[in-house]
C-alpha atoms as a PDB file:
ATOM      1  CA  MET A   1      -0.033  -0.092   0.193  1.00  0.00           C
ATOM      2  CA  ASN A   2       1.418   3.450  -0.818  1.00  0.00           C
ATOM      3  CA  LYS A   3       1.028   6.728   0.711  1.00  0.00           C
ATOM      4  CA  GLU A   4      -1.940   7.966  -1.752  1.00  0.00           C
ATOM      5  CA  GLU A   5      -3.738   4.829  -0.805  1.00  0.00           C
ATOM      6  CA  ILE A   6      -3.514   5.163   2.563  1.00  0.00           C
ATOM      7  CA  LEU A   7      -4.467   8.961   2.195  1.00  0.00           C
ATOM      8  CA  ALA A   8      -7.412   8.125   0.328  1.00  0.00           C
ATOM      9  CA  MET A   9      -8.800   5.544   2.733  1.00  0.00           C
ATOM     10  CA  SER A  10      -8.398   7.780   5.854  1.00  0.00           C
ATOM     11  CA  ARG A  11     -10.153  10.579   3.859  1.00  0.00           C
ATOM     12  CA  GLN A  12     -12.947   8.285   3.242  1.00  0.00           C
ATOM     13  CA  GLU A  13     -12.902   7.155   6.930  1.00  0.00           C
ATOM     14  CA  ASN A  14     -13.177  10.644   8.094  1.00  0.00           C
ATOM     15  CA  LYS A  15     -15.699  11.909   5.217  1.00  0.00           C
ATOM     16  CA  ASN A  16     -13.313  14.068   3.828  1.00  0.00           C
ATOM     17  CA  VAL A  17     -12.915  16.302   7.132  1.00  0.00           C
ATOM     18  CA  ASP A  18      -9.298  17.413   7.440  1.00  0.00           C
ATOM     19  CA  LEU A  19      -8.210  16.451  11.263  1.00  0.00           C
ATOM     20  CA  VAL A  20      -5.748  19.289  11.483  1.00  0.00           C
ATOM     21  CA  ASP A  21      -8.319  21.666  10.325  1.00  0.00           C
ATOM     22  CA  LYS A  22     -10.826  19.949  13.041  1.00  0.00           C
ATOM     23  CA  GLU A  23      -8.125  20.232  15.935  1.00  0.00           C
ATOM     24  CA  ILE A  24      -7.116  23.669  15.457  1.00  0.00           C
ATOM     25  CA  GLU A  25     -11.082  24.791  15.176  1.00  0.00           C
ATOM     26  CA  ILE A  26     -11.297  22.924  18.687  1.00  0.00           C
ATOM     27  CA  LYS A  27      -8.114  24.687  20.235  1.00  0.00           C
ATOM     28  CA  SER A  28      -9.448  28.068  18.679  1.00  0.00           C
ATOM     29  CA  ILE A  29     -12.878  27.911  20.353  1.00  0.00           C
ATOM     30  CA  ALA A  30     -11.287  27.051  23.642  1.00  0.00           C
ATOM     31  CA  THR A  31      -9.074  30.047  23.291  1.00  0.00           C
ATOM     32  CA  ALA A  32     -11.803  32.272  22.293  1.00  0.00           C
ATOM     33  CA  GLY A  33     -13.527  31.168  25.246  1.00  0.00           C
ATOM     34  CA  ARG A  34     -10.791  31.998  27.895  1.00  0.00           C
ATOM     35  CA  VAL A  35     -10.265  35.251  26.086  1.00  0.00           C
ATOM     36  CA  MET A  36     -13.759  36.281  26.119  1.00  0.00           C
ATOM     37  CA  THR A  37     -13.853  35.734  29.877  1.00  0.00           C
ATOM     38  CA  ALA A  38     -10.851  37.526  30.585  1.00  0.00           C
ATOM     39  CA  VAL A  39     -12.311  40.566  28.589  1.00  0.00           C
ATOM     40  CA  CYS A  40     -15.479  40.353  30.321  1.00  0.00           C
ATOM     41  CA  ILE A  41     -13.698  40.605  33.742  1.00  0.00           C
ATOM     42  CA  VAL A  42     -11.435  43.390  32.553  1.00  0.00           C
ATOM     43  CA  LEU A  43     -14.624  45.211  31.483  1.00  0.00           C
ATOM     44  CA  HIS A  44     -16.474  44.562  34.829  1.00  0.00           C
ATOM     45  CA  ILE A  45     -13.473  45.853  36.732  1.00  0.00           C
ATOM     46  CA  ALA A  46     -13.126  49.038  34.756  1.00  0.00           C
ATOM     47  CA  VAL A  47     -16.759  49.973  34.849  1.00  0.00           C
ATOM     48  CA  PHE A  48     -16.716  49.578  38.396  1.00  0.00           C
ATOM     49  CA  LEU A  49     -13.410  51.611  38.906  1.00  0.00           C
ATOM     50  CA  ILE A  50     -14.927  54.357  36.877  1.00  0.00           C
ATOM     51  CA  THR A  51     -18.555  54.446  37.808  1.00  0.00           C
ATOM     52  CA  GLY A  52     -18.667  52.770  40.980  1.00  0.00           C
ATOM     53  CA  THR A  53     -21.535  50.394  39.830  1.00  0.00           C
ATOM     54  CA  LYS A  54     -21.818  46.598  39.068  1.00  0.00           C
ATOM     55  CA  ASN A  55     -22.297  45.469  35.730  1.00  0.00           C
ATOM     56  CA  SER A  56     -23.337  41.922  35.761  1.00  0.00           C
ATOM     57  CA  GLY A  57     -23.953  41.809  32.060  1.00  0.00           C
ATOM     58  CA  PHE A  58     -20.270  41.240  31.413  1.00  0.00           C
ATOM     59  CA  PHE A  59     -20.195  38.139  33.527  1.00  0.00           C
ATOM     60  CA  GLY A  60     -23.653  37.027  31.792  1.00  0.00           C
ATOM     61  CA  ILE A  61     -21.874  36.675  28.534  1.00  0.00           C
ATOM     62  CA  ALA A  62     -18.974  34.574  30.145  1.00  0.00           C
ATOM     63  CA  ALA A  63     -21.733  32.615  31.904  1.00  0.00           C
ATOM     64  CA  ILE A  64     -24.014  31.895  28.789  1.00  0.00           C
ATOM     65  CA  TYR A  65     -20.768  30.758  26.911  1.00  0.00           C
ATOM     66  CA  ASN A  66     -20.029  28.347  29.457  1.00  0.00           C
ATOM     67  CA  ALA A  67     -23.493  27.125  30.141  1.00  0.00           C
ATOM     68  CA  VAL A  68     -23.792  26.185  26.282  1.00  0.00           C
ATOM     69  CA  LEU A  69     -20.234  24.759  26.299  1.00  0.00           C
ATOM     70  CA  PHE A  70     -20.658  22.422  29.364  1.00  0.00           C
ATOM     71  CA  THR A  71     -24.149  21.611  28.544  1.00  0.00           C
ATOM     72  CA  MET A  72     -23.362  20.610  24.922  1.00  0.00           C
ATOM     73  CA  LYS A  73     -20.186  18.428  25.917  1.00  0.00           C
ATOM     74  CA  GLY A  74     -22.522  16.795  28.913  1.00  0.00           C
ATOM     75  CA  ILE A  75     -24.947  15.843  26.123  1.00  0.00           C
ATOM     76  CA  LYS A  76     -22.738  14.927  23.366  1.00  0.00           C
ATOM     77  CA  LEU A  77     -20.184  12.965  25.510  1.00  0.00           C
ATOM     78  CA  ASN A  78     -23.064  11.542  27.983  1.00  0.00           C
ATOM     79  CA  ASP A  79     -21.121  13.093  31.091  1.00  0.00           C
ATOM     80  CA  ARG A  80     -23.471  13.677  33.921  1.00  0.00           C
ATOM     81  CA  ASN A  81     -20.773  15.810  35.596  1.00  0.00           C
ATOM     82  CA  LYS A  82     -20.517  18.134  32.563  1.00  0.00           C
ATOM     83  CA  LEU A  83     -24.107  18.201  32.218  1.00  0.00           C
ATOM     84  CA  ILE A  84     -24.675  19.431  35.759  1.00  0.00           C
ATOM     85  CA  THR A  85     -22.007  21.761  35.307  1.00  0.00           C
ATOM     86  CA  GLY A  86     -23.721  23.281  32.452  1.00  0.00           C
ATOM     87  CA  ILE A  87     -26.970  23.452  34.192  1.00  0.00           C
ATOM     88  CA  ILE A  88     -25.428  25.202  37.130  1.00  0.00           C
ATOM     89  CA  TRP A  89     -23.848  27.792  34.275  1.00  0.00           C
ATOM     90  CA  SER A  90     -27.300  28.146  32.924  1.00  0.00           C
ATOM     91  CA  VAL A  91     -28.930  29.042  36.161  1.00  0.00           C
ATOM     92  CA  LEU A  92     -26.018  31.472  36.947  1.00  0.00           C
ATOM     93  CA  ALA A  93     -26.434  32.993  33.169  1.00  0.00           C
ATOM     94  CA  VAL A  94     -30.087  33.403  33.638  1.00  0.00           C
ATOM     95  CA  GLY A  95     -29.583  35.102  37.219  1.00  0.00           C
ATOM     96  CA  LEU A  96     -27.195  37.569  35.765  1.00  0.00           C
ATOM     97  CA  THR A  97     -29.055  38.237  32.866  1.00  0.00           C
ATOM     98  CA  VAL A  98     -32.137  38.847  34.903  1.00  0.00           C
ATOM     99  CA  GLU A  99     -30.174  41.186  37.175  1.00  0.00           C
ATOM    100  CA  TYR A 100     -28.769  42.911  34.297  1.00  0.00           C
ATOM    101  CA  PHE A 101     -32.189  43.780  32.830  1.00  0.00           C
ATOM    102  CA  TYR A 102     -33.679  44.764  36.080  1.00  0.00           C
ATOM    103  CA  ARG A 103     -30.827  47.162  36.930  1.00  0.00           C
ATOM    104  CA  LEU A 104     -31.065  48.670  33.271  1.00  0.00           C
ATOM    105  CA  ILE A 105     -34.922  49.087  33.808  1.00  0.00           C
ATOM    106  CA  THR A 106     -34.636  50.535  37.156  1.00  0.00           C
ATOM    107  CA  THR A 107     -31.965  52.779  36.190  1.00  0.00           C
ATOM    108  CA  ALA A 108     -33.893  54.102  33.120  1.00  0.00           C
ATOM    109  CA  GLY A 109     -36.753  54.871  35.469  1.00  0.00           C
ATOM    110  CA  ILE A 110     -38.939  52.572  33.817  1.00  0.00           C
ATOM    111  CA  LEU A 111     -40.242  50.973  36.862  1.00  0.00           C
END
């Protein structure tokens, strides 16, 4: 069996999916999540230092990302711990989002 035959069989097994591309995509998504969380923390601290108020919207964004990530991993990998972690992140995300909108509405004088 020569190199071309082996590559052809590998492509057929992997349905023409480039495994290097797939691995890079997975690492990119993980890195993007970490960077997004770090930016949310920096923005939260900056808003607090400048205005003296808390903005839970930034943490809500990070919580939503983690909620989706862990919930999907838990479902796809059939991993109960990841699913429970995803549910906890989901509850936190909903709470932070509700708090953000409540503060937004009360600050605007709607309520």
